[in-house]
N, C-alpha and C. Protein backbone atom coordinates (compact mmCIF):
# COMPACT_ATOMS: atom_id res chain seq x y z
N MET A 1 -120.29 -69.71 -62.73
CA MET A 1 -120.64 -68.47 -61.77
C MET A 1 -121.19 -69.13 -60.47
N ASP A 2 -120.25 -68.58 -59.20
CA ASP A 2 -120.70 -69.02 -57.94
C ASP A 2 -122.00 -68.05 -57.54
N VAL A 3 -122.29 -68.43 -56.13
CA VAL A 3 -123.26 -68.13 -55.49
C VAL A 3 -122.94 -66.65 -55.00
N THR A 4 -121.65 -66.04 -54.74
CA THR A 4 -121.34 -65.01 -54.22
C THR A 4 -121.38 -63.86 -55.63
N GLU A 5 -121.30 -64.18 -56.42
CA GLU A 5 -121.30 -63.39 -57.66
C GLU A 5 -122.74 -63.08 -58.08
N LEU A 6 -123.54 -64.21 -57.93
CA LEU A 6 -125.01 -63.90 -58.03
C LEU A 6 -125.75 -62.98 -57.04
N HIS A 7 -125.16 -63.09 -55.95
CA HIS A 7 -125.39 -62.20 -54.71
C HIS A 7 -125.29 -60.89 -54.91
N ASP A 8 -124.09 -60.64 -55.26
CA ASP A 8 -123.70 -59.49 -55.68
C ASP A 8 -124.17 -58.40 -56.79
N GLU A 9 -124.58 -59.56 -57.77
CA GLU A 9 -125.55 -58.94 -58.98
C GLU A 9 -126.63 -58.43 -58.31
N GLU A 10 -127.16 -59.44 -57.88
CA GLU A 10 -128.92 -59.12 -57.08
C GLU A 10 -128.77 -57.98 -56.34
N ASN A 11 -127.56 -57.53 -55.62
CA ASN A 11 -127.35 -56.45 -54.39
C ASN A 11 -127.40 -55.12 -55.48
N LEU A 12 -126.71 -55.28 -56.80
CA LEU A 12 -126.41 -54.16 -57.49
C LEU A 12 -127.75 -53.91 -58.31
N LEU A 13 -128.56 -54.92 -58.51
CA LEU A 13 -129.73 -54.48 -59.02
C LEU A 13 -130.48 -53.94 -58.33
N VAL A 14 -130.74 -54.38 -56.86
CA VAL A 14 -131.56 -54.07 -56.00
C VAL A 14 -131.29 -52.47 -55.71
N GLN A 15 -130.17 -52.20 -55.66
CA GLN A 15 -129.70 -50.77 -55.51
C GLN A 15 -129.77 -50.02 -56.71
N MET A 16 -129.91 -50.48 -57.83
CA MET A 16 -129.98 -49.52 -59.00
C MET A 16 -131.57 -49.07 -59.12
N GLN A 17 -132.27 -50.15 -58.59
CA GLN A 17 -133.88 -50.07 -58.76
C GLN A 17 -134.44 -49.14 -57.69
N ASP A 18 -133.53 -49.02 -56.19
CA ASP A 18 -134.05 -48.29 -55.35
C ASP A 18 -133.57 -46.50 -55.90
N ARG A 19 -132.49 -46.54 -56.42
CA ARG A 19 -131.93 -45.16 -57.05
C ARG A 19 -132.95 -44.60 -57.84
N TRP A 20 -133.54 -45.59 -58.67
CA TRP A 20 -134.53 -45.07 -59.91
C TRP A 20 -135.53 -44.59 -59.42
N GLU A 21 -136.16 -45.61 -58.37
CA GLU A 21 -137.52 -45.22 -57.81
C GLU A 21 -137.32 -43.83 -57.24
N ASN A 22 -136.12 -43.37 -56.47
CA ASN A 22 -136.16 -42.38 -55.45
C ASN A 22 -135.53 -41.06 -56.31
N TYR A 23 -135.35 -41.45 -57.72
CA TYR A 23 -134.60 -40.11 -58.75
C TYR A 23 -135.15 -39.04 -58.34
N GLY A 24 -134.68 -37.94 -58.28
CA GLY A 24 -135.08 -36.76 -57.96
C GLY A 24 -135.19 -36.35 -56.34
N SER A 25 -135.02 -37.39 -55.84
CA SER A 25 -135.28 -36.95 -54.21
C SER A 25 -133.88 -37.51 -53.43
N LEU A 26 -132.98 -38.27 -54.00
CA LEU A 26 -131.92 -38.71 -53.61
C LEU A 26 -130.55 -37.56 -53.03
N ASP A 27 -130.32 -37.41 -51.94
CA ASP A 27 -129.31 -36.45 -51.47
C ASP A 27 -129.68 -35.15 -51.80
N ALA A 28 -130.98 -34.76 -51.82
CA ALA A 28 -131.85 -33.24 -51.78
C ALA A 28 -131.24 -32.98 -53.17
N ILE A 29 -131.10 -33.59 -54.18
CA ILE A 29 -130.70 -33.38 -55.68
C ILE A 29 -132.05 -33.09 -56.33
N VAL A 30 -132.24 -31.67 -56.64
CA VAL A 30 -133.54 -31.69 -57.12
C VAL A 30 -133.23 -32.07 -58.75
N ASP A 31 -134.49 -32.71 -58.90
CA ASP A 31 -134.78 -33.31 -60.50
C ASP A 31 -134.75 -32.35 -61.76
N THR A 32 -133.57 -31.69 -62.15
CA THR A 32 -133.35 -30.84 -63.29
C THR A 32 -132.85 -31.35 -64.20
N HIS A 33 -132.21 -30.41 -65.31
CA HIS A 33 -131.75 -30.96 -66.39
C HIS A 33 -130.17 -30.70 -65.78
N ASP A 34 -129.72 -29.90 -64.65
CA ASP A 34 -128.44 -29.85 -64.50
C ASP A 34 -127.98 -30.63 -62.97
N PRO A 35 -127.37 -32.05 -63.63
CA PRO A 35 -127.33 -32.55 -62.08
C PRO A 35 -126.35 -32.21 -61.00
N PHE A 36 -125.48 -30.96 -61.42
CA PHE A 36 -124.88 -30.12 -60.20
C PHE A 36 -125.62 -28.91 -59.58
N THR A 37 -126.77 -29.04 -59.58
CA THR A 37 -127.82 -28.20 -58.78
C THR A 37 -128.13 -28.92 -57.57
N LEU A 38 -128.17 -28.13 -56.37
CA LEU A 38 -128.33 -28.52 -55.10
C LEU A 38 -129.34 -27.25 -54.54
N GLU A 39 -130.80 -27.61 -54.78
CA GLU A 39 -131.71 -26.55 -54.28
C GLU A 39 -131.47 -25.18 -54.87
N GLY A 40 -131.08 -25.32 -56.23
CA GLY A 40 -131.06 -24.10 -57.07
C GLY A 40 -129.66 -23.58 -56.94
N ALA A 41 -128.51 -23.72 -55.85
CA ALA A 41 -127.26 -23.63 -55.79
C ALA A 41 -126.44 -24.47 -56.49
N PRO A 42 -125.38 -24.41 -57.41
CA PRO A 42 -124.67 -25.29 -57.80
C PRO A 42 -123.57 -25.95 -56.62
N ARG A 43 -123.50 -27.30 -56.66
CA ARG A 43 -122.81 -27.87 -55.76
C ARG A 43 -121.19 -27.42 -55.39
N PHE A 44 -120.94 -27.35 -56.52
CA PHE A 44 -119.38 -26.63 -56.62
C PHE A 44 -119.21 -25.58 -55.86
N GLU A 45 -120.09 -24.70 -55.94
CA GLU A 45 -120.31 -23.41 -55.04
C GLU A 45 -119.99 -23.69 -53.58
N LEU A 46 -120.99 -24.60 -53.28
CA LEU A 46 -121.01 -25.03 -51.91
C LEU A 46 -119.93 -25.42 -51.45
N SER A 47 -119.42 -26.38 -52.13
CA SER A 47 -118.01 -26.89 -52.09
C SER A 47 -116.74 -26.10 -51.81
N GLU A 48 -116.86 -24.93 -52.86
CA GLU A 48 -115.74 -23.79 -52.44
C GLU A 48 -116.11 -22.91 -51.15
N LYS A 49 -116.90 -22.83 -50.67
CA LYS A 49 -117.73 -22.15 -49.74
C LYS A 49 -117.09 -22.81 -48.45
N ILE A 50 -117.40 -24.17 -48.26
CA ILE A 50 -116.84 -25.02 -47.09
C ILE A 50 -115.39 -25.11 -47.34
N ASP A 51 -114.75 -24.99 -48.43
CA ASP A 51 -113.19 -24.93 -48.36
C ASP A 51 -112.67 -23.87 -47.92
N SER A 52 -113.23 -22.66 -48.25
CA SER A 52 -112.74 -21.22 -47.92
C SER A 52 -113.13 -21.26 -46.43
N LEU A 53 -114.25 -21.84 -45.92
CA LEU A 53 -114.30 -21.71 -44.31
C LEU A 53 -113.12 -22.65 -43.68
N LEU A 54 -113.06 -23.58 -43.93
CA LEU A 54 -111.86 -24.48 -43.61
C LEU A 54 -110.55 -24.04 -43.49
N SER A 55 -110.17 -23.45 -44.80
CA SER A 55 -108.86 -22.60 -44.81
C SER A 55 -108.80 -21.65 -43.90
N HIS A 56 -109.71 -20.44 -43.91
CA HIS A 56 -109.47 -19.64 -43.27
C HIS A 56 -109.75 -19.51 -41.71
N ALA A 57 -110.54 -20.68 -41.32
CA ALA A 57 -110.78 -20.80 -39.98
C ALA A 57 -109.62 -21.74 -38.94
N LEU A 58 -109.12 -22.74 -39.70
CA LEU A 58 -108.34 -23.44 -39.16
C LEU A 58 -107.03 -23.83 -40.01
N THR A 59 -105.99 -24.22 -38.91
CA THR A 59 -104.52 -24.15 -39.22
C THR A 59 -104.35 -25.47 -40.19
N GLU A 60 -103.29 -25.46 -41.13
CA GLU A 60 -103.28 -26.65 -41.85
C GLU A 60 -103.55 -28.15 -41.42
N ASP A 61 -102.90 -28.18 -39.87
CA ASP A 61 -102.93 -29.41 -38.98
C ASP A 61 -104.26 -30.07 -38.84
N GLU A 62 -105.09 -28.96 -38.42
CA GLU A 62 -106.65 -29.03 -38.12
C GLU A 62 -107.35 -29.21 -39.19
N ASN A 63 -107.19 -28.60 -40.44
CA ASN A 63 -107.91 -29.05 -41.37
C ASN A 63 -107.46 -30.22 -42.16
N LEU A 64 -106.48 -30.80 -42.09
CA LEU A 64 -106.03 -31.98 -42.56
C LEU A 64 -106.84 -33.13 -41.48
N LEU A 65 -106.65 -32.99 -40.16
CA LEU A 65 -107.50 -33.56 -39.34
C LEU A 65 -108.75 -33.87 -39.50
N LEU A 66 -109.39 -32.65 -39.68
CA LEU A 66 -110.75 -32.76 -39.88
C LEU A 66 -111.06 -33.63 -41.45
N ARG A 67 -110.57 -33.18 -42.38
CA ARG A 67 -110.80 -33.63 -43.64
C ARG A 67 -110.46 -35.39 -43.55
N GLN A 68 -109.55 -35.63 -42.99
CA GLN A 68 -109.37 -36.89 -42.77
C GLN A 68 -110.14 -37.96 -41.91
N THR A 69 -110.71 -36.90 -41.06
CA THR A 69 -111.91 -37.70 -40.10
C THR A 69 -113.11 -37.99 -40.80
N LEU A 70 -113.50 -37.15 -41.63
CA LEU A 70 -114.60 -36.88 -42.50
C LEU A 70 -114.73 -37.47 -43.54
N GLY A 71 -113.67 -37.93 -44.25
CA GLY A 71 -113.28 -38.23 -45.49
C GLY A 71 -113.64 -37.53 -46.63
N MET A 72 -113.18 -35.96 -46.35
CA MET A 72 -113.44 -34.90 -47.51
C MET A 72 -111.90 -34.73 -48.29
N GLY A 73 -112.21 -35.17 -49.17
CA GLY A 73 -111.29 -35.33 -50.29
C GLY A 73 -110.15 -36.20 -50.26
N CYS A 74 -110.55 -37.41 -49.50
CA CYS A 74 -109.50 -38.56 -49.23
C CYS A 74 -110.48 -39.75 -48.44
N LYS A 75 -109.73 -40.95 -48.16
CA LYS A 75 -110.29 -41.68 -47.61
C LYS A 75 -110.46 -41.50 -46.22
N GLN A 76 -111.66 -41.50 -45.78
CA GLN A 76 -111.88 -41.50 -44.16
C GLN A 76 -111.13 -42.44 -43.24
N ARG A 77 -110.68 -41.96 -42.16
CA ARG A 77 -109.95 -42.69 -41.44
C ARG A 77 -110.42 -42.67 -39.86
N SER A 78 -110.22 -43.49 -39.32
CA SER A 78 -110.77 -43.82 -38.16
C SER A 78 -109.95 -42.98 -36.79
N VAL A 79 -110.63 -42.48 -35.96
CA VAL A 79 -109.67 -41.53 -34.96
C VAL A 79 -108.52 -42.53 -34.25
N LYS A 80 -108.41 -44.10 -34.13
CA LYS A 80 -107.55 -44.73 -33.80
C LYS A 80 -106.35 -44.89 -34.72
N SER A 81 -106.59 -44.80 -36.14
CA SER A 81 -105.74 -44.73 -36.97
C SER A 81 -105.06 -43.82 -37.01
N LEU A 82 -105.67 -42.32 -36.77
CA LEU A 82 -105.25 -41.01 -36.70
C LEU A 82 -104.14 -40.68 -35.43
N ALA A 83 -104.69 -41.26 -34.27
CA ALA A 83 -103.77 -41.34 -33.20
C ALA A 83 -102.52 -41.92 -33.34
N GLN A 84 -102.94 -43.30 -33.75
CA GLN A 84 -101.37 -43.81 -34.08
C GLN A 84 -100.59 -43.16 -35.04
N GLN A 85 -100.87 -42.73 -36.08
CA GLN A 85 -100.23 -41.80 -37.12
C GLN A 85 -99.44 -40.63 -36.19
N MET A 86 -100.29 -39.88 -35.38
CA MET A 86 -99.63 -38.61 -34.53
C MET A 86 -98.96 -38.88 -33.53
N GLY A 87 -99.13 -40.28 -33.08
CA GLY A 87 -98.09 -40.84 -31.94
C GLY A 87 -98.93 -40.09 -30.74
N THR A 88 -100.07 -40.06 -30.67
CA THR A 88 -100.72 -39.60 -29.43
C THR A 88 -102.04 -40.66 -28.92
N THR A 89 -102.80 -40.46 -28.01
CA THR A 89 -104.11 -40.94 -27.80
C THR A 89 -105.10 -40.85 -28.40
N GLN A 90 -106.10 -41.89 -28.63
CA GLN A 90 -107.53 -41.60 -29.08
C GLN A 90 -108.11 -40.32 -28.65
N LYS A 91 -108.22 -40.54 -27.27
CA LYS A 91 -108.76 -39.36 -26.57
C LYS A 91 -108.31 -38.06 -26.59
N ALA A 92 -106.81 -37.72 -27.07
CA ALA A 92 -106.13 -36.27 -27.49
C ALA A 92 -106.75 -35.93 -28.80
N VAL A 93 -106.96 -36.98 -29.57
CA VAL A 93 -107.35 -36.85 -30.95
C VAL A 93 -108.73 -36.36 -30.87
N GLN A 94 -109.88 -37.00 -30.34
CA GLN A 94 -111.34 -36.62 -30.23
C GLN A 94 -111.33 -35.29 -29.48
N LYS A 95 -110.17 -34.96 -28.44
CA LYS A 95 -110.42 -33.70 -27.92
C LYS A 95 -109.94 -32.36 -28.91
N LYS A 96 -108.98 -32.84 -29.81
CA LYS A 96 -108.56 -31.92 -30.64
C LYS A 96 -109.58 -31.80 -31.64
N LEU A 97 -110.62 -32.86 -31.96
CA LEU A 97 -111.60 -32.57 -32.97
C LEU A 97 -112.61 -31.73 -32.37
N VAL A 98 -112.91 -31.79 -31.03
CA VAL A 98 -114.08 -30.95 -30.50
C VAL A 98 -113.56 -29.42 -30.67
N SER A 99 -112.33 -29.34 -30.19
CA SER A 99 -111.68 -28.10 -30.44
C SER A 99 -112.09 -27.37 -31.76
N ILE A 100 -111.72 -28.17 -32.70
CA ILE A 100 -111.84 -27.85 -34.50
C ILE A 100 -113.44 -27.42 -34.50
N VAL A 101 -114.29 -28.34 -34.06
CA VAL A 101 -115.95 -28.04 -34.29
C VAL A 101 -116.03 -26.39 -33.54
N GLU A 102 -115.70 -26.70 -32.60
CA GLU A 102 -116.13 -25.24 -31.51
C GLU A 102 -115.71 -24.23 -32.33
N LYS A 103 -114.44 -24.28 -32.69
CA LYS A 103 -113.54 -23.40 -33.71
C LYS A 103 -114.46 -22.77 -35.12
N LEU A 104 -114.89 -23.96 -35.52
CA LEU A 104 -115.60 -23.47 -36.67
C LEU A 104 -117.22 -23.04 -36.41
N ARG A 105 -117.97 -23.36 -35.43
CA ARG A 105 -119.05 -23.01 -35.02
C ARG A 105 -119.24 -21.31 -34.52
N HIS A 106 -117.98 -20.94 -34.28
CA HIS A 106 -117.84 -19.64 -34.00
C HIS A 106 -117.15 -18.67 -34.62
N HIS A 107 -116.87 -19.25 -36.13
CA HIS A 107 -115.99 -18.40 -36.89
C HIS A 107 -117.11 -17.36 -37.89
N ASP A 108 -116.79 -16.26 -38.25
CA ASP A 108 -117.55 -15.31 -38.92
C ASP A 108 -117.82 -16.25 -40.27
N ASP A 109 -117.13 -16.72 -41.08
CA ASP A 109 -117.59 -17.66 -42.21
C ASP A 109 -118.50 -18.78 -41.89
N SER A 110 -118.47 -19.03 -40.69
CA SER A 110 -119.77 -20.13 -40.66
C SER A 110 -120.85 -19.66 -40.50
N ILE A 111 -121.00 -18.30 -40.20
CA ILE A 111 -122.39 -17.44 -40.40
C ILE A 111 -122.67 -17.40 -41.68
N GLN A 112 -121.54 -16.73 -42.33
CA GLN A 112 -121.93 -16.68 -43.63
C GLN A 112 -122.31 -17.88 -44.80
N LEU A 113 -121.68 -19.06 -44.39
CA LEU A 113 -122.45 -20.34 -45.06
C LEU A 113 -123.87 -20.64 -44.10
N TRP A 114 -123.91 -20.44 -43.31
CA TRP A 114 -125.31 -20.62 -42.66
C TRP A 114 -126.62 -19.88 -43.50
N LYS A 115 -125.75 -18.64 -43.68
CA LYS A 115 -126.64 -17.40 -44.24
C LYS A 115 -127.09 -18.11 -45.92
N TYR A 116 -125.93 -18.37 -46.49
CA TYR A 116 -125.80 -19.06 -47.84
C TYR A 116 -126.70 -20.15 -48.00
N LEU A 117 -126.61 -21.20 -47.01
CA LEU A 117 -127.58 -22.41 -47.02
C LEU A 117 -128.92 -21.75 -46.55
N ASN A 118 -129.25 -20.93 -46.13
CA ASN A 118 -130.75 -20.43 -45.25
C ASN A 118 -131.17 -19.55 -46.14
N ARG A 119 -130.71 -18.93 -47.51
CA ARG A 119 -131.43 -17.89 -47.94
C ARG A 119 -132.32 -18.46 -48.84
N GLU A 120 -133.12 -17.42 -49.30
CA GLU A 120 -134.78 -17.71 -49.76
C GLU A 120 -134.66 -17.19 -51.33
């Protein structure tokens, strides 16, 4: 066994110990019997609401660009690699992402999502 394998095992052990110490507080997951509960709301329900927002508010191309940029349901990609794939500049991709965020910010479904997240 070489030094890198020992180092990797030690890192894994430390990560597992940290997770155990923080159990119940990681990623805002409430310590309950249901691991799919997030502050009393099922995470899949939240995921469905986000998917619904993206599909209603954005075109297919915008939806794909945002998902690839954020790594939602796929591997996260850099603006540079997306620009190369699209045959455009990084600045054009960034401008498109800004317009996507603005579109989402002012969409009616965004307001519904905000209300859902801030309900009591």
